[in-house]
């Protein structure tokens, strides 16, 4: 018998979607369905966890300004 899962439609840039796909690839805990280049259905119960993980990933990938360029 099929099982229903509550989901949230998420629209984002393809670059953000790529990060979400990377986060989800190990355990498949977050994504219910990959719809197109900018749209995913995310498990409603995991949305807050995914937001936190995404913020961590973005913080890790942001480049800090180079102080030596101001000399």
PDB file of N, CA and C in Angstrom:
ATOM      1  N   UNK A   1       0.837  -1.176   0.000  1.00  0.00           N
ATOM      2  CA  UNK A   1       0.000   0.000   0.000  1.00  0.00           C
ATOM      3  C   UNK A   1       0.886   1.245   0.000  1.00  0.00           C
ATOM      4  N   UNK A   2       0.587   2.238  -0.858  1.00  0.00           N
ATOM      5  CA  UNK A   2       1.382   3.464  -0.908  1.00  0.00           C
ATOM      6  C   UNK A   2       1.308   4.243   0.399  1.00  0.00           C
ATOM      7  N   UNK A   3       2.385   4.945   0.685  1.00  0.00           N
ATOM      8  CA  UNK A   3       2.459   5.750   1.893  1.00  0.00           C
ATOM      9  C   UNK A   3       2.570   7.220   1.498  1.00  0.00           C
ATOM     10  N   UNK A   4       1.735   8.073   2.067  1.00  0.00           N
ATOM     11  CA  UNK A   4       1.761   9.508   1.781  1.00  0.00           C
ATOM     12  C   UNK A   4       2.739  10.209   2.716  1.00  0.00           C
ATOM     13  N   UNK A   5       3.440  11.179   2.171  1.00  0.00           N
ATOM     14  CA  UNK A   5       4.388  11.976   2.943  1.00  0.00           C
ATOM     15  C   UNK A   5       4.038  13.440   2.731  1.00  0.00           C
ATOM     16  N   UNK A   6       3.876  14.195   3.830  1.00  0.00           N
ATOM     17  CA  UNK A   6       3.620  15.633   3.716  1.00  0.00           C
ATOM     18  C   UNK A   6       4.877  16.309   3.197  1.00  0.00           C
ATOM     19  N   UNK A   7       4.674  17.201   2.230  1.00  0.00           N
ATOM     20  CA  UNK A   7       5.818  17.884   1.662  1.00  0.00           C
ATOM     21  C   UNK A   7       5.567  19.372   1.493  1.00  0.00           C
ATOM     22  N   UNK A   8       6.656  20.098   1.315  1.00  0.00           N
ATOM     23  CA  UNK A   8       6.626  21.540   1.104  1.00  0.00           C
ATOM     24  C   UNK A   8       7.299  21.814  -0.239  1.00  0.00           C
ATOM     25  N   UNK A   9       6.640  22.602  -1.082  1.00  0.00           N
ATOM     26  CA  UNK A   9       7.206  22.972  -2.367  1.00  0.00           C
ATOM     27  C   UNK A   9       8.250  24.059  -2.154  1.00  0.00           C
ATOM     28  N   UNK A  10       9.468  23.817  -2.622  1.00  0.00           N
ATOM     29  CA  UNK A  10      10.568  24.763  -2.448  1.00  0.00           C
ATOM     30  C   UNK A  10      11.081  25.169  -3.825  1.00  0.00           C
ATOM     31  N   UNK A  11      11.087  26.480  -4.073  1.00  0.00           N
ATOM     32  CA  UNK A  11      11.647  27.026  -5.305  1.00  0.00           C
ATOM     33  C   UNK A  11      12.916  27.781  -4.939  1.00  0.00           C
ATOM     34  N   UNK A  12      13.992  27.508  -5.670  1.00  0.00           N
ATOM     35  CA  UNK A  12      15.273  28.139  -5.365  1.00  0.00           C
ATOM     36  C   UNK A  12      16.121  28.220  -6.631  1.00  0.00           C
ATOM     37  N   UNK A  13      17.231  28.927  -6.532  1.00  0.00           N
ATOM     38  CA  UNK A  13      18.183  28.998  -7.637  1.00  0.00           C
ATOM     39  C   UNK A  13      18.806  27.625  -7.862  1.00  0.00           C
ATOM     40  N   UNK A  14      19.213  27.336  -9.094  1.00  0.00           N
ATOM     41  CA  UNK A  14      19.855  26.047  -9.363  1.00  0.00           C
ATOM     42  C   UNK A  14      21.103  25.797  -8.502  1.00  0.00           C
ATOM     43  N   UNK A  15      21.835  26.857  -8.152  1.00  0.00           N
ATOM     44  CA  UNK A  15      23.023  26.681  -7.318  1.00  0.00           C
ATOM     45  C   UNK A  15      22.650  26.220  -5.907  1.00  0.00           C
ATOM     46  N   UNK A  16      21.583  26.779  -5.348  1.00  0.00           N
ATOM     47  CA  UNK A  16      21.108  26.373  -4.023  1.00  0.00           C
ATOM     48  C   UNK A  16      20.548  24.952  -4.092  1.00  0.00           C
ATOM     49  N   UNK A  17      19.838  24.659  -5.170  1.00  0.00           N
ATOM     50  CA  UNK A  17      19.285  23.313  -5.341  1.00  0.00           C
ATOM     51  C   UNK A  17      20.409  22.281  -5.370  1.00  0.00           C
ATOM     52  N   UNK A  18      21.516  22.603  -6.026  1.00  0.00           N
ATOM     53  CA  UNK A  18      22.653  21.683  -6.086  1.00  0.00           C
ATOM     54  C   UNK A  18      23.190  21.397  -4.681  1.00  0.00           C
ATOM     55  N   UNK A  19      23.238  22.412  -3.839  1.00  0.00           N
ATOM     56  CA  UNK A  19      23.701  22.220  -2.459  1.00  0.00           C
ATOM     57  C   UNK A  19      22.722  21.339  -1.693  1.00  0.00           C
ATOM     58  N   UNK A  20      21.415  21.566  -1.884  1.00  0.00           N
ATOM     59  CA  UNK A  20      20.401  20.743  -1.213  1.00  0.00           C
ATOM     60  C   UNK A  20      20.517  19.291  -1.664  1.00  0.00           C
ATOM     61  N   UNK A  21      20.721  19.076  -2.958  1.00  0.00           N
ATOM     62  CA  UNK A  21      20.885  17.709  -3.463  1.00  0.00           C
ATOM     63  C   UNK A  21      22.117  17.036  -2.847  1.00  0.00           C
ATOM     64  N   UNK A  22      23.183  17.809  -2.692  1.00  0.00           N
ATOM     65  CA  UNK A  22      24.407  17.280  -2.075  1.00  0.00           C
ATOM     66  C   UNK A  22      24.157  16.887  -0.614  1.00  0.00           C
ATOM     67  N   UNK A  23      23.442  17.734   0.112  1.00  0.00           N
ATOM     68  CA  UNK A  23      23.116  17.447   1.506  1.00  0.00           C
ATOM     69  C   UNK A  23      22.280  16.175   1.610  1.00  0.00           C
ATOM     70  N   UNK A  24      21.357  15.996   0.680  1.00  0.00           N
ATOM     71  CA  UNK A  24      20.412  14.877   0.724  1.00  0.00           C
ATOM     72  C   UNK A  24      20.984  13.570   0.193  1.00  0.00           C
ATOM     73  N   UNK A  25      22.081  13.600  -0.529  1.00  0.00           N
ATOM     74  CA  UNK A  25      22.551  12.420  -1.246  1.00  0.00           C
ATOM     75  C   UNK A  25      22.936  11.230  -0.361  1.00  0.00           C
ATOM     76  N   UNK A  26      23.371  11.451   0.857  1.00  0.00           N
ATOM     77  CA  UNK A  26      23.813  10.337   1.702  1.00  0.00           C
ATOM     78  C   UNK A  26      22.665   9.524   2.284  1.00  0.00           C
ATOM     79  N   UNK A  27      21.723  10.202   2.914  1.00  0.00           N
ATOM     80  CA  UNK A  27      20.652   9.480   3.621  1.00  0.00           C
ATOM     81  C   UNK A  27      19.275   9.648   3.000  1.00  0.00           C
ATOM     82  N   UNK A  28      19.112  10.570   2.067  1.00  0.00           N
ATOM     83  CA  UNK A  28      17.813  10.856   1.438  1.00  0.00           C
ATOM     84  C   UNK A  28      16.753  11.181   2.495  1.00  0.00           C
ATOM     85  N   UNK A  29      17.127  12.026   3.446  1.00  0.00           N
ATOM     86  CA  UNK A  29      16.228  12.396   4.543  1.00  0.00           C
ATOM     87  C   UNK A  29      15.322  13.576   4.220  1.00  0.00           C
ATOM     88  N   UNK A  30      15.621  14.353   3.190  1.00  0.00           N
ATOM     89  CA  UNK A  30      14.949  15.630   3.000  1.00  0.00           C
ATOM     90  C   UNK A  30      14.046  15.695   1.768  1.00  0.00           C
ATOM     91  N   UNK A  31      14.517  15.225   0.638  1.00  0.00           N
ATOM     92  CA  UNK A  31      13.808  15.416  -0.628  1.00  0.00           C
ATOM     93  C   UNK A  31      12.793  14.306  -0.872  1.00  0.00           C
ATOM     94  N   UNK A  32      11.549  14.722  -1.176  1.00  0.00           N
ATOM     95  CA  UNK A  32      10.501  13.783  -1.577  1.00  0.00           C
ATOM     96  C   UNK A  32      10.545  13.622  -3.096  1.00  0.00           C
ATOM     97  N   UNK A  33      10.644  14.756  -3.809  1.00  0.00           N
ATOM     98  CA  UNK A  33      10.630  14.725  -5.272  1.00  0.00           C
ATOM     99  C   UNK A  33      11.427  15.882  -5.841  1.00  0.00           C
ATOM    100  N   UNK A  34      12.207  15.607  -6.854  1.00  0.00           N
ATOM    101  CA  UNK A  34      12.959  16.609  -7.597  1.00  0.00           C
ATOM    102  C   UNK A  34      12.137  16.913  -8.849  1.00  0.00           C
ATOM    103  N   UNK A  35      11.524  18.109  -8.926  1.00  0.00           N
ATOM    104  CA  UNK A  35      10.576  18.404  -9.992  1.00  0.00           C
ATOM    105  C   UNK A  35      11.213  18.999 -11.242  1.00  0.00           C
ATOM    106  N   UNK A  36      12.056  20.006 -11.080  1.00  0.00           N
ATOM    107  CA  UNK A  36      12.744  20.606 -12.225  1.00  0.00           C
ATOM    108  C   UNK A  36      13.998  21.325 -11.732  1.00  0.00           C
ATOM    109  N   UNK A  37      14.563  22.190 -12.587  1.00  0.00           N
ATOM    110  CA  UNK A  37      15.833  22.853 -12.259  1.00  0.00           C
ATOM    111  C   UNK A  37      15.781  23.738 -11.024  1.00  0.00           C
ATOM    112  N   UNK A  38      14.584  24.208 -10.664  1.00  0.00           N
ATOM    113  CA  UNK A  38      14.480  25.147  -9.550  1.00  0.00           C
ATOM    114  C   UNK A  38      13.466  24.731  -8.492  1.00  0.00           C
ATOM    115  N   UNK A  39      12.897  23.531  -8.599  1.00  0.00           N
ATOM    116  CA  UNK A  39      11.808  23.162  -7.705  1.00  0.00           C
ATOM    117  C   UNK A  39      12.006  21.771  -7.110  1.00  0.00           C
ATOM    118  N   UNK A  40      11.800  21.689  -5.799  1.00  0.00           N
ATOM    119  CA  UNK A  40      11.876  20.433  -5.054  1.00  0.00           C
ATOM    120  C   UNK A  40      10.669  20.326  -4.134  1.00  0.00           C
ATOM    121  N   UNK A  41      10.310  19.108  -3.785  1.00  0.00           N
ATOM    122  CA  UNK A  41       9.359  18.887  -2.701  1.00  0.00           C
ATOM    123  C   UNK A  41      10.172  18.314  -1.550  1.00  0.00           C
ATOM    124  N   UNK A  42      10.125  19.014  -0.421  1.00  0.00           N
ATOM    125  CA  UNK A  42      10.897  18.658   0.771  1.00  0.00           C
ATOM    126  C   UNK A  42       9.945  18.111   1.832  1.00  0.00           C
ATOM    127  N   UNK A  43      10.393  17.095   2.576  1.00  0.00           N
ATOM    128  CA  UNK A  43       9.581  16.573   3.682  1.00  0.00           C
ATOM    129  C   UNK A  43       9.326  17.694   4.680  1.00  0.00           C
ATOM    130  N   UNK A  44       8.047  17.904   4.988  1.00  0.00           N
ATOM    131  CA  UNK A  44       7.668  18.989   5.887  1.00  0.00           C
ATOM    132  C   UNK A  44       8.348  18.860   7.259  1.00  0.00           C
ATOM    133  N   UNK A  45       8.450  17.650   7.747  1.00  0.00           N
ATOM    134  CA  UNK A  45       9.031  17.431   9.076  1.00  0.00           C
ATOM    135  C   UNK A  45      10.540  17.703   9.121  1.00  0.00           C
ATOM    136  N   UNK A  46      11.181  17.760   7.958  1.00  0.00           N
ATOM    137  CA  UNK A  46      12.628  17.955   7.900  1.00  0.00           C
ATOM    138  C   UNK A  46      13.028  19.347   7.414  1.00  0.00           C
ATOM    139  N   UNK A  47      12.061  20.205   7.144  1.00  0.00           N
ATOM    140  CA  UNK A  47      12.353  21.498   6.552  1.00  0.00           C
ATOM    141  C   UNK A  47      13.284  22.353   7.420  1.00  0.00           C
ATOM    142  N   UNK A  48      13.025  22.448   8.710  1.00  0.00           N
ATOM    143  CA  UNK A  48      13.866  23.272   9.590  1.00  0.00           C
ATOM    144  C   UNK A  48      15.293  22.734   9.666  1.00  0.00           C
ATOM    145  N   UNK A  49      15.439  21.407   9.743  1.00  0.00           N
ATOM    146  CA  UNK A  49      16.783  20.806   9.757  1.00  0.00           C
ATOM    147  C   UNK A  49      17.528  21.125   8.469  1.00  0.00           C
ATOM    148  N   UNK A  50      16.813  21.034   7.351  1.00  0.00           N
ATOM    149  CA  UNK A  50      17.438  21.325   6.064  1.00  0.00           C
ATOM    150  C   UNK A  50      17.873  22.782   5.996  1.00  0.00           C
ATOM    151  N   UNK A  51      17.067  23.696   6.486  1.00  0.00           N
ATOM    152  CA  UNK A  51      17.438  25.111   6.498  1.00  0.00           C
ATOM    153  C   UNK A  51      18.732  25.330   7.280  1.00  0.00           C
ATOM    154  N   UNK A  52      18.845  24.681   8.435  1.00  0.00           N
ATOM    155  CA  UNK A  52      20.062  24.814   9.244  1.00  0.00           C
ATOM    156  C   UNK A  52      21.279  24.257   8.513  1.00  0.00           C
ATOM    157  N   UNK A  53      21.122  23.068   7.923  1.00  0.00           N
ATOM    158  CA  UNK A  53      22.227  22.456   7.179  1.00  0.00           C
ATOM    159  C   UNK A  53      22.636  23.331   5.996  1.00  0.00           C
ATOM    160  N   UNK A  54      21.648  23.909   5.310  1.00  0.00           N
ATOM    161  CA  UNK A  54      21.932  24.770   4.170  1.00  0.00           C
ATOM    162  C   UNK A  54      22.674  26.024   4.608  1.00  0.00           C
ATOM    163  N   UNK A  55      22.265  26.621   5.714  1.00  0.00           N
ATOM    164  CA  UNK A  55      22.970  27.797   6.235  1.00  0.00           C
ATOM    165  C   UNK A  55      24.414  27.457   6.583  1.00  0.00           C
ATOM    166  N   UNK A  56      24.644  26.281   7.171  1.00  0.00           N
ATOM    167  CA  UNK A  56      26.007  25.842   7.494  1.00  0.00           C
ATOM    168  C   UNK A  56      26.837  25.680   6.229  1.00  0.00           C
ATOM    169  N   UNK A  57      26.267  25.029   5.229  1.00  0.00           N
ATOM    170  CA  UNK A  57      26.979  24.830   3.964  1.00  0.00           C
ATOM    171  C   UNK A  57      27.316  26.169   3.302  1.00  0.00           C
ATOM    172  N   UNK A  58      26.361  27.084   3.307  1.00  0.00           N
ATOM    173  CA  UNK A  58      26.611  28.392   2.702  1.00  0.00           C
ATOM    174  C   UNK A  58      27.683  29.159   3.472  1.00  0.00           C
ATOM    175  N   UNK A  59      27.671  29.055   4.786  1.00  0.00           N
ATOM    176  CA  UNK A  59      28.694  29.733   5.595  1.00  0.00           C
ATOM    177  C   UNK A  59      30.081  29.159   5.301  1.00  0.00           C
ATOM    178  N   UNK A  60      30.141  27.849   5.068  1.00  0.00           N
ATOM    179  CA  UNK A  60      31.426  27.204   4.777  1.00  0.00           C
ATOM    180  C   UNK A  60      31.950  27.537   3.387  1.00  0.00           C
ATOM    181  N   UNK A  61      31.061  27.848   2.458  1.00  0.00           N
ATOM    182  CA  UNK A  61      31.492  28.104   1.084  1.00  0.00           C
ATOM    183  C   UNK A  61      31.706  29.573   0.774  1.00  0.00           C
ATOM    184  N   UNK A  62      31.252  30.456   1.662  1.00  0.00           N
ATOM    185  CA  UNK A  62      31.449  31.888   1.417  1.00  0.00           C
ATOM    186  C   UNK A  62      32.912  32.238   1.573  1.00  0.00           C
ATOM    187  N   UNK A  63      33.401  33.063   0.661  1.00  0.00           N
ATOM    188  CA  UNK A  63      34.794  33.489   0.721  1.00  0.00           C
ATOM    189  C   UNK A  63      34.911  34.753   1.555  1.00  0.00           C
ATOM    190  N   UNK A  64      35.913  34.785   2.384  1.00  0.00           N
ATOM    191  CA  UNK A  64      36.173  35.963   3.191  1.00  0.00           C
ATOM    192  C   UNK A  64      36.938  36.974   2.337  1.00  0.00           C
ATOM    193  N   UNK A  65      36.689  38.269   2.521  1.00  0.00           N
ATOM    194  CA  UNK A  65      37.417  39.287   1.751  1.00  0.00           C
ATOM    195  C   UNK A  65      38.914  39.219   2.058  1.00  0.00           C
ATOM    196  N   UNK A  66      39.699  39.434   1.034  1.00  0.00           N
ATOM    197  CA  UNK A  66      41.147  39.375   1.180  1.00  0.00           C
ATOM    198  C   UNK A  66      41.662  40.738   1.663  1.00  0.00           C
ATOM    199  N   UNK A  67      42.202  40.771   2.893  1.00  0.00           N
ATOM    200  CA  UNK A  67      42.683  42.023   3.485  1.00  0.00           C
ATOM    201  C   UNK A  67      43.931  42.550   2.779  1.00  0.00           C
ATOM    202  N   UNK A  68      44.704  41.683   2.150  1.00  0.00           N
ATOM    203  CA  UNK A  68      45.935  42.123   1.521  1.00  0.00           C
ATOM    204  C   UNK A  68      45.675  42.972   0.273  1.00  0.00           C
ATOM    205  N   UNK A  69      44.463  42.895  -0.290  1.00  0.00           N
ATOM    206  CA  UNK A  69      44.138  43.678  -1.477  1.00  0.00           C
ATOM    207  C   UNK A  69      44.022  45.174  -1.166  1.00  0.00           C
ATOM    208  N   UNK A  70      43.787  45.519   0.097  1.00  0.00           N
ATOM    209  CA  UNK A  70      43.631  46.924   0.466  1.00  0.00           C
ATOM    210  C   UNK A  70      44.972  47.625   0.698  1.00  0.00           C
ATOM    211  N   UNK A  71      46.065  46.902   0.629  1.00  0.00           N
ATOM    212  CA  UNK A  71      47.398  47.513   0.864  1.00  0.00           C
ATOM    213  C   UNK A  71      47.858  48.318  -0.301  1.00  0.00           C
TER     214      UNK A  71
END
